[in-house]
């Protein structure tokens, strides 16, 4: 297993743990319009580190798939857009921490759009390439947009959905064997 793939897997698991911690912190002390408590800054710091870990996990996905015929330009585009989306959100989080309140919300919304498109493209490529379980691709497609709506029901629900996503991808990267992950029926049909 390549060290980049392994690093991506570890980063995915770390991101999941940090996103769960951030959901717990949010429940203890919901983040307000102005950041006036140590818990607010701790929450933002934990999510910031989680976003950086997610970027490393996406690089692990890229390392696993690059050079494969089913990955191509579409996979690279999905990777770049996903990384750019998370990177902009991370930078906006740092700026908000410095200013003590949410900043540049339109930029954050635009980066969420970029992230959404990148996640969908990357999810489709994961399903198509069959190097990771299909449900990792499905989670990439639905977790981010579903998380936005889930926040209306339960504060920080998005963080829990993203924890499920990145934890699953991290474990899939770490436990992946060298062979292609395909359904048993497909493998039997190809060998027969």
C-alpha atoms as a PDB file:
ATOM      1  CA  UNK A   1       0.000   0.000   0.000  1.00  0.00           C
ATOM      2  CA  UNK A   2       1.330   3.394  -0.990  1.00  0.00           C
ATOM      3  CA  UNK A   3       2.218   5.747   1.847  1.00  0.00           C
ATOM      4  CA  UNK A   4      -0.055   8.402   0.302  1.00  0.00           C
ATOM      5  CA  UNK A   5      -3.003   6.023   0.364  1.00  0.00           C
ATOM      6  CA  UNK A   6      -2.230   5.001   3.942  1.00  0.00           C
ATOM      7  CA  UNK A   7      -1.851   8.647   4.985  1.00  0.00           C
ATOM      8  CA  UNK A   8      -5.188   9.398   3.325  1.00  0.00           C
ATOM      9  CA  UNK A   9      -6.819   6.548   5.234  1.00  0.00           C
ATOM     10  CA  UNK A  10      -5.419   7.699   8.564  1.00  0.00           C
ATOM     11  CA  UNK A  11      -6.447  11.283   7.789  1.00  0.00           C
ATOM     12  CA  UNK A  12      -9.992  10.127   6.995  1.00  0.00           C
ATOM     13  CA  UNK A  13     -10.291   8.380  10.360  1.00  0.00           C
ATOM     14  CA  UNK A  14      -8.794  11.397  12.158  1.00  0.00           C
ATOM     15  CA  UNK A  15     -11.204  13.724  10.334  1.00  0.00           C
ATOM     16  CA  UNK A  16     -14.122  11.527  11.423  1.00  0.00           C
ATOM     17  CA  UNK A  17     -13.028  11.596  15.064  1.00  0.00           C
ATOM     18  CA  UNK A  18     -12.580  15.373  14.970  1.00  0.00           C
ATOM     19  CA  UNK A  19     -15.955  15.898  13.312  1.00  0.00           C
ATOM     20  CA  UNK A  20     -17.632  13.800  16.017  1.00  0.00           C
ATOM     21  CA  UNK A  21     -15.793  15.842  18.667  1.00  0.00           C
ATOM     22  CA  UNK A  22     -16.941  19.056  16.990  1.00  0.00           C
ATOM     23  CA  UNK A  23     -20.569  17.859  17.056  1.00  0.00           C
ATOM     24  CA  UNK A  24     -20.238  17.152  20.783  1.00  0.00           C
ATOM     25  CA  UNK A  25     -18.684  20.578  21.396  1.00  0.00           C
ATOM     26  CA  UNK A  26     -21.486  22.218  19.439  1.00  0.00           C
ATOM     27  CA  UNK A  27     -24.089  20.467  21.586  1.00  0.00           C
ATOM     28  CA  UNK A  28     -22.333  21.599  24.766  1.00  0.00           C
ATOM     29  CA  UNK A  29     -22.154  25.216  23.639  1.00  0.00           C
ATOM     30  CA  UNK A  30     -23.746  26.121  20.290  1.00  0.00           C
ATOM     31  CA  UNK A  31     -21.724  28.609  18.286  1.00  0.00           C
ATOM     32  CA  UNK A  32     -23.380  32.028  18.285  1.00  0.00           C
ATOM     33  CA  UNK A  33     -23.139  34.981  15.874  1.00  0.00           C
ATOM     34  CA  UNK A  34     -20.138  36.268  17.821  1.00  0.00           C
ATOM     35  CA  UNK A  35     -17.525  33.913  19.159  1.00  0.00           C
ATOM     36  CA  UNK A  36     -17.427  34.831  22.814  1.00  0.00           C
ATOM     37  CA  UNK A  37     -16.447  31.590  24.525  1.00  0.00           C
ATOM     38  CA  UNK A  38     -13.473  29.285  24.596  1.00  0.00           C
ATOM     39  CA  UNK A  39     -15.777  26.449  23.472  1.00  0.00           C
ATOM     40  CA  UNK A  40     -16.654  28.377  20.299  1.00  0.00           C
ATOM     41  CA  UNK A  41     -12.984  28.747  19.422  1.00  0.00           C
ATOM     42  CA  UNK A  42     -12.286  25.127  20.351  1.00  0.00           C
ATOM     43  CA  UNK A  43     -15.147  24.043  18.075  1.00  0.00           C
ATOM     44  CA  UNK A  44     -13.790  26.139  15.196  1.00  0.00           C
ATOM     45  CA  UNK A  45     -10.241  24.896  15.769  1.00  0.00           C
ATOM     46  CA  UNK A  46     -11.336  21.264  15.795  1.00  0.00           C
ATOM     47  CA  UNK A  47     -13.359  21.693  12.593  1.00  0.00           C
ATOM     48  CA  UNK A  48     -10.440  23.502  10.956  1.00  0.00           C
ATOM     49  CA  UNK A  49      -8.091  20.579  11.665  1.00  0.00           C
ATOM     50  CA  UNK A  50     -10.814  18.186  10.458  1.00  0.00           C
ATOM     51  CA  UNK A  51     -11.022  20.056   7.125  1.00  0.00           C
ATOM     52  CA  UNK A  52      -7.256  19.794   6.688  1.00  0.00           C
ATOM     53  CA  UNK A  53      -7.461  16.052   7.438  1.00  0.00           C
ATOM     54  CA  UNK A  54     -10.235  15.728   4.848  1.00  0.00           C
ATOM     55  CA  UNK A  55      -7.963  17.319   2.242  1.00  0.00           C
ATOM     56  CA  UNK A  56      -5.293  14.704   3.023  1.00  0.00           C
ATOM     57  CA  UNK A  57      -7.946  11.960   2.756  1.00  0.00           C
ATOM     58  CA  UNK A  58      -8.976  13.270  -0.685  1.00  0.00           C
ATOM     59  CA  UNK A  59      -5.311  13.166  -1.730  1.00  0.00           C
ATOM     60  CA  UNK A  60      -5.300   9.514  -0.606  1.00  0.00           C
ATOM     61  CA  UNK A  61      -8.295   8.812  -2.845  1.00  0.00           C
ATOM     62  CA  UNK A  62      -6.460  10.527  -5.694  1.00  0.00           C
ATOM     63  CA  UNK A  63      -3.296   8.474  -5.082  1.00  0.00           C
ATOM     64  CA  UNK A  64      -5.325   5.267  -5.182  1.00  0.00           C
ATOM     65  CA  UNK A  65      -7.104   6.131  -8.416  1.00  0.00           C
ATOM     66  CA  UNK A  66      -4.589   8.138 -10.436  1.00  0.00           C
ATOM     67  CA  UNK A  67      -3.288   6.428 -13.526  1.00  0.00           C
ATOM     68  CA  UNK A  68      -6.371   4.211 -13.734  1.00  0.00           C
ATOM     69  CA  UNK A  69      -8.358   4.396 -16.973  1.00  0.00           C
ATOM     70  CA  UNK A  70     -11.712   4.948 -15.225  1.00  0.00           C
ATOM     71  CA  UNK A  71     -10.383   7.911 -13.201  1.00  0.00           C
ATOM     72  CA  UNK A  72      -9.107  10.280 -15.881  1.00  0.00           C
ATOM     73  CA  UNK A  73      -9.786  13.991 -16.109  1.00  0.00           C
ATOM     74  CA  UNK A  74     -13.184  13.725 -14.476  1.00  0.00           C
ATOM     75  CA  UNK A  75     -11.664  12.160 -11.351  1.00  0.00           C
ATOM     76  CA  UNK A  76      -8.870  14.714 -11.246  1.00  0.00           C
ATOM     77  CA  UNK A  77     -11.395  17.530 -11.645  1.00  0.00           C
ATOM     78  CA  UNK A  78     -13.507  16.098  -8.809  1.00  0.00           C
ATOM     79  CA  UNK A  79     -10.426  15.840  -6.598  1.00  0.00           C
ATOM     80  CA  UNK A  80      -9.296  19.397  -7.319  1.00  0.00           C
ATOM     81  CA  UNK A  81     -12.767  20.888  -6.783  1.00  0.00           C
ATOM     82  CA  UNK A  82     -13.248  18.978  -3.528  1.00  0.00           C
ATOM     83  CA  UNK A  83      -9.862  20.092  -2.224  1.00  0.00           C
ATOM     84  CA  UNK A  84     -10.443  23.707  -3.296  1.00  0.00           C
ATOM     85  CA  UNK A  85     -13.875  23.715  -1.623  1.00  0.00           C
ATOM     86  CA  UNK A  86     -12.551  22.403   1.699  1.00  0.00           C
ATOM     87  CA  UNK A  87      -9.481  24.661   1.516  1.00  0.00           C
ATOM     88  CA  UNK A  88     -11.570  27.804   1.034  1.00  0.00           C
ATOM     89  CA  UNK A  89     -13.877  26.800   3.895  1.00  0.00           C
ATOM     90  CA  UNK A  90     -10.787  26.221   6.067  1.00  0.00           C
ATOM     91  CA  UNK A  91      -9.370  29.654   5.199  1.00  0.00           C
ATOM     92  CA  UNK A  92     -12.748  31.270   5.884  1.00  0.00           C
ATOM     93  CA  UNK A  93     -12.816  29.500   9.256  1.00  0.00           C
ATOM     94  CA  UNK A  94      -9.421  30.987  10.158  1.00  0.00           C
ATOM     95  CA  UNK A  95     -10.556  34.463   9.084  1.00  0.00           C
ATOM     96  CA  UNK A  96     -13.753  34.089  11.122  1.00  0.00           C
ATOM     97  CA  UNK A  97     -11.753  33.007  14.171  1.00  0.00           C
ATOM     98  CA  UNK A  98      -9.536  36.083  13.887  1.00  0.00           C
ATOM     99  CA  UNK A  99     -12.520  38.423  13.460  1.00  0.00           C
ATOM    100  CA  UNK A 100     -14.568  36.743  16.193  1.00  0.00           C
ATOM    101  CA  UNK A 101     -17.633  36.251  14.016  1.00  0.00           C
ATOM    102  CA  UNK A 102     -18.623  34.514  10.771  1.00  0.00           C
ATOM    103  CA  UNK A 103     -17.082  36.346   7.805  1.00  0.00           C
ATOM    104  CA  UNK A 104     -17.408  36.296   4.041  1.00  0.00           C
ATOM    105  CA  UNK A 105     -20.558  34.184   4.007  1.00  0.00           C
ATOM    106  CA  UNK A 106     -20.971  34.596   0.235  1.00  0.00           C
ATOM    107  CA  UNK A 107     -17.460  33.230  -0.309  1.00  0.00           C
ATOM    108  CA  UNK A 108     -18.251  30.350   2.031  1.00  0.00           C
ATOM    109  CA  UNK A 109     -21.450  29.609   0.072  1.00  0.00           C
ATOM    110  CA  UNK A 110     -19.558  29.706  -3.231  1.00  0.00           C
ATOM    111  CA  UNK A 111     -16.958  27.306  -1.862  1.00  0.00           C
ATOM    112  CA  UNK A 112     -19.761  25.015  -0.703  1.00  0.00           C
ATOM    113  CA  UNK A 113     -21.002  24.965  -4.301  1.00  0.00           C
ATOM    114  CA  UNK A 114     -17.532  24.078  -5.562  1.00  0.00           C
ATOM    115  CA  UNK A 115     -17.272  21.399  -2.884  1.00  0.00           C
ATOM    116  CA  UNK A 116     -20.665  19.982  -3.829  1.00  0.00           C
ATOM    117  CA  UNK A 117     -19.744  19.646  -7.512  1.00  0.00           C
ATOM    118  CA  UNK A 118     -16.344  18.152  -6.630  1.00  0.00           C
ATOM    119  CA  UNK A 119     -17.839  15.650  -4.184  1.00  0.00           C
ATOM    120  CA  UNK A 120     -20.434  14.499  -6.705  1.00  0.00           C
ATOM    121  CA  UNK A 121     -17.809  14.043  -9.433  1.00  0.00           C
ATOM    122  CA  UNK A 122     -15.474  12.204  -7.071  1.00  0.00           C
ATOM    123  CA  UNK A 123     -18.320  10.036  -5.782  1.00  0.00           C
ATOM    124  CA  UNK A 124     -19.328   9.043  -9.312  1.00  0.00           C
ATOM    125  CA  UNK A 125     -15.719   8.169 -10.161  1.00  0.00           C
ATOM    126  CA  UNK A 126     -15.366   6.040  -7.010  1.00  0.00           C
ATOM    127  CA  UNK A 127     -18.508   4.110  -7.952  1.00  0.00           C
ATOM    128  CA  UNK A 128     -17.327   3.754 -11.538  1.00  0.00           C
ATOM    129  CA  UNK A 129     -13.711   2.782 -10.795  1.00  0.00           C
ATOM    130  CA  UNK A 130     -14.635   0.120  -8.202  1.00  0.00           C
ATOM    131  CA  UNK A 131     -11.373   0.470  -6.264  1.00  0.00           C
ATOM    132  CA  UNK A 132     -13.274   1.409  -3.098  1.00  0.00           C
ATOM    133  CA  UNK A 133     -16.683   0.120  -1.987  1.00  0.00           C
ATOM    134  CA  UNK A 134     -19.537   1.685  -3.965  1.00  0.00           C
ATOM    135  CA  UNK A 135     -21.112   3.130  -0.823  1.00  0.00           C
ATOM    136  CA  UNK A 136     -18.055   5.371  -0.294  1.00  0.00           C
ATOM    137  CA  UNK A 137     -18.935   7.032  -3.595  1.00  0.00           C
ATOM    138  CA  UNK A 138     -22.616   7.197  -2.674  1.00  0.00           C
ATOM    139  CA  UNK A 139     -21.764   8.835   0.666  1.00  0.00           C
ATOM    140  CA  UNK A 140     -19.591  11.396  -1.117  1.00  0.00           C
ATOM    141  CA  UNK A 141     -22.534  12.285  -3.327  1.00  0.00           C
ATOM    142  CA  UNK A 142     -25.179  12.645  -0.598  1.00  0.00           C
ATOM    143  CA  UNK A 143     -23.474  13.439   2.740  1.00  0.00           C
ATOM    144  CA  UNK A 144     -22.611  17.089   2.141  1.00  0.00           C
ATOM    145  CA  UNK A 145     -25.975  18.264   0.733  1.00  0.00           C
ATOM    146  CA  UNK A 146     -27.958  16.072   3.124  1.00  0.00           C
ATOM    147  CA  UNK A 147     -25.951  17.454   6.058  1.00  0.00           C
ATOM    148  CA  UNK A 148     -27.076  20.978   5.274  1.00  0.00           C
ATOM    149  CA  UNK A 149     -30.734  19.984   5.624  1.00  0.00           C
ATOM    150  CA  UNK A 150     -30.057  17.736   8.627  1.00  0.00           C
ATOM    151  CA  UNK A 151     -28.704  20.743  10.552  1.00  0.00           C
ATOM    152  CA  UNK A 152     -32.257  22.116  10.645  1.00  0.00           C
ATOM    153  CA  UNK A 153     -33.336  19.038  12.608  1.00  0.00           C
ATOM    154  CA  UNK A 154     -30.300  18.595  14.843  1.00  0.00           C
ATOM    155  CA  UNK A 155     -27.495  21.108  15.345  1.00  0.00           C
ATOM    156  CA  UNK A 156     -24.153  19.897  13.943  1.00  0.00           C
ATOM    157  CA  UNK A 157     -25.830  16.943  12.189  1.00  0.00           C
ATOM    158  CA  UNK A 158     -23.773  17.803   9.124  1.00  0.00           C
ATOM    159  CA  UNK A 159     -20.599  17.132  11.094  1.00  0.00           C
ATOM    160  CA  UNK A 160     -21.904  13.682  12.054  1.00  0.00           C
ATOM    161  CA  UNK A 161     -22.752  12.847   8.430  1.00  0.00           C
ATOM    162  CA  UNK A 162     -19.338  14.065   7.308  1.00  0.00           C
ATOM    163  CA  UNK A 163     -17.771  11.956  10.078  1.00  0.00           C
ATOM    164  CA  UNK A 164     -19.584   8.910   8.696  1.00  0.00           C
ATOM    165  CA  UNK A 165     -18.384   9.767   5.193  1.00  0.00           C
ATOM    166  CA  UNK A 166     -14.717  10.402   5.970  1.00  0.00           C
ATOM    167  CA  UNK A 167     -14.452   7.636   8.552  1.00  0.00           C
ATOM    168  CA  UNK A 168     -15.831   5.169   6.003  1.00  0.00           C
ATOM    169  CA  UNK A 169     -13.467   6.365   3.309  1.00  0.00           C
ATOM    170  CA  UNK A 170     -10.540   6.322   5.740  1.00  0.00           C
ATOM    171  CA  UNK A 171     -11.245   2.748   6.788  1.00  0.00           C
ATOM    172  CA  UNK A 172     -11.808   1.696   3.166  1.00  0.00           C
ATOM    173  CA  UNK A 173      -8.441   3.180   2.185  1.00  0.00           C
ATOM    174  CA  UNK A 174      -6.672   1.496   5.110  1.00  0.00           C
ATOM    175  CA  UNK A 175      -8.236  -1.930   4.618  1.00  0.00           C
ATOM    176  CA  UNK A 176      -8.142  -1.945   0.847  1.00  0.00           C
ATOM    177  CA  UNK A 177      -6.456  -4.902  -0.760  1.00  0.00           C
ATOM    178  CA  UNK A 178      -4.464  -4.600  -3.971  1.00  0.00           C
ATOM    179  CA  UNK A 179      -7.272  -6.177  -6.025  1.00  0.00           C
ATOM    180  CA  UNK A 180     -10.291  -4.371  -7.384  1.00  0.00           C
ATOM    181  CA  UNK A 181     -13.254  -4.131  -5.048  1.00  0.00           C
ATOM    182  CA  UNK A 182     -16.108  -5.526  -7.111  1.00  0.00           C
ATOM    183  CA  UNK A 183     -19.207  -7.530  -6.313  1.00  0.00           C
ATOM    184  CA  UNK A 184     -18.644 -11.304  -6.236  1.00  0.00           C
ATOM    185  CA  UNK A 185     -21.071 -11.829  -9.135  1.00  0.00           C
ATOM    186  CA  UNK A 186     -19.052  -9.443 -11.318  1.00  0.00           C
ATOM    187  CA  UNK A 187     -15.775 -11.179 -10.428  1.00  0.00           C
ATOM    188  CA  UNK A 188     -17.273 -14.603 -11.191  1.00  0.00           C
ATOM    189  CA  UNK A 189     -18.644 -13.393 -14.538  1.00  0.00           C
ATOM    190  CA  UNK A 190     -15.276 -11.924 -15.526  1.00  0.00           C
ATOM    191  CA  UNK A 191     -13.338 -15.073 -14.626  1.00  0.00           C
ATOM    192  CA  UNK A 192     -15.818 -17.465 -16.294  1.00  0.00           C
END
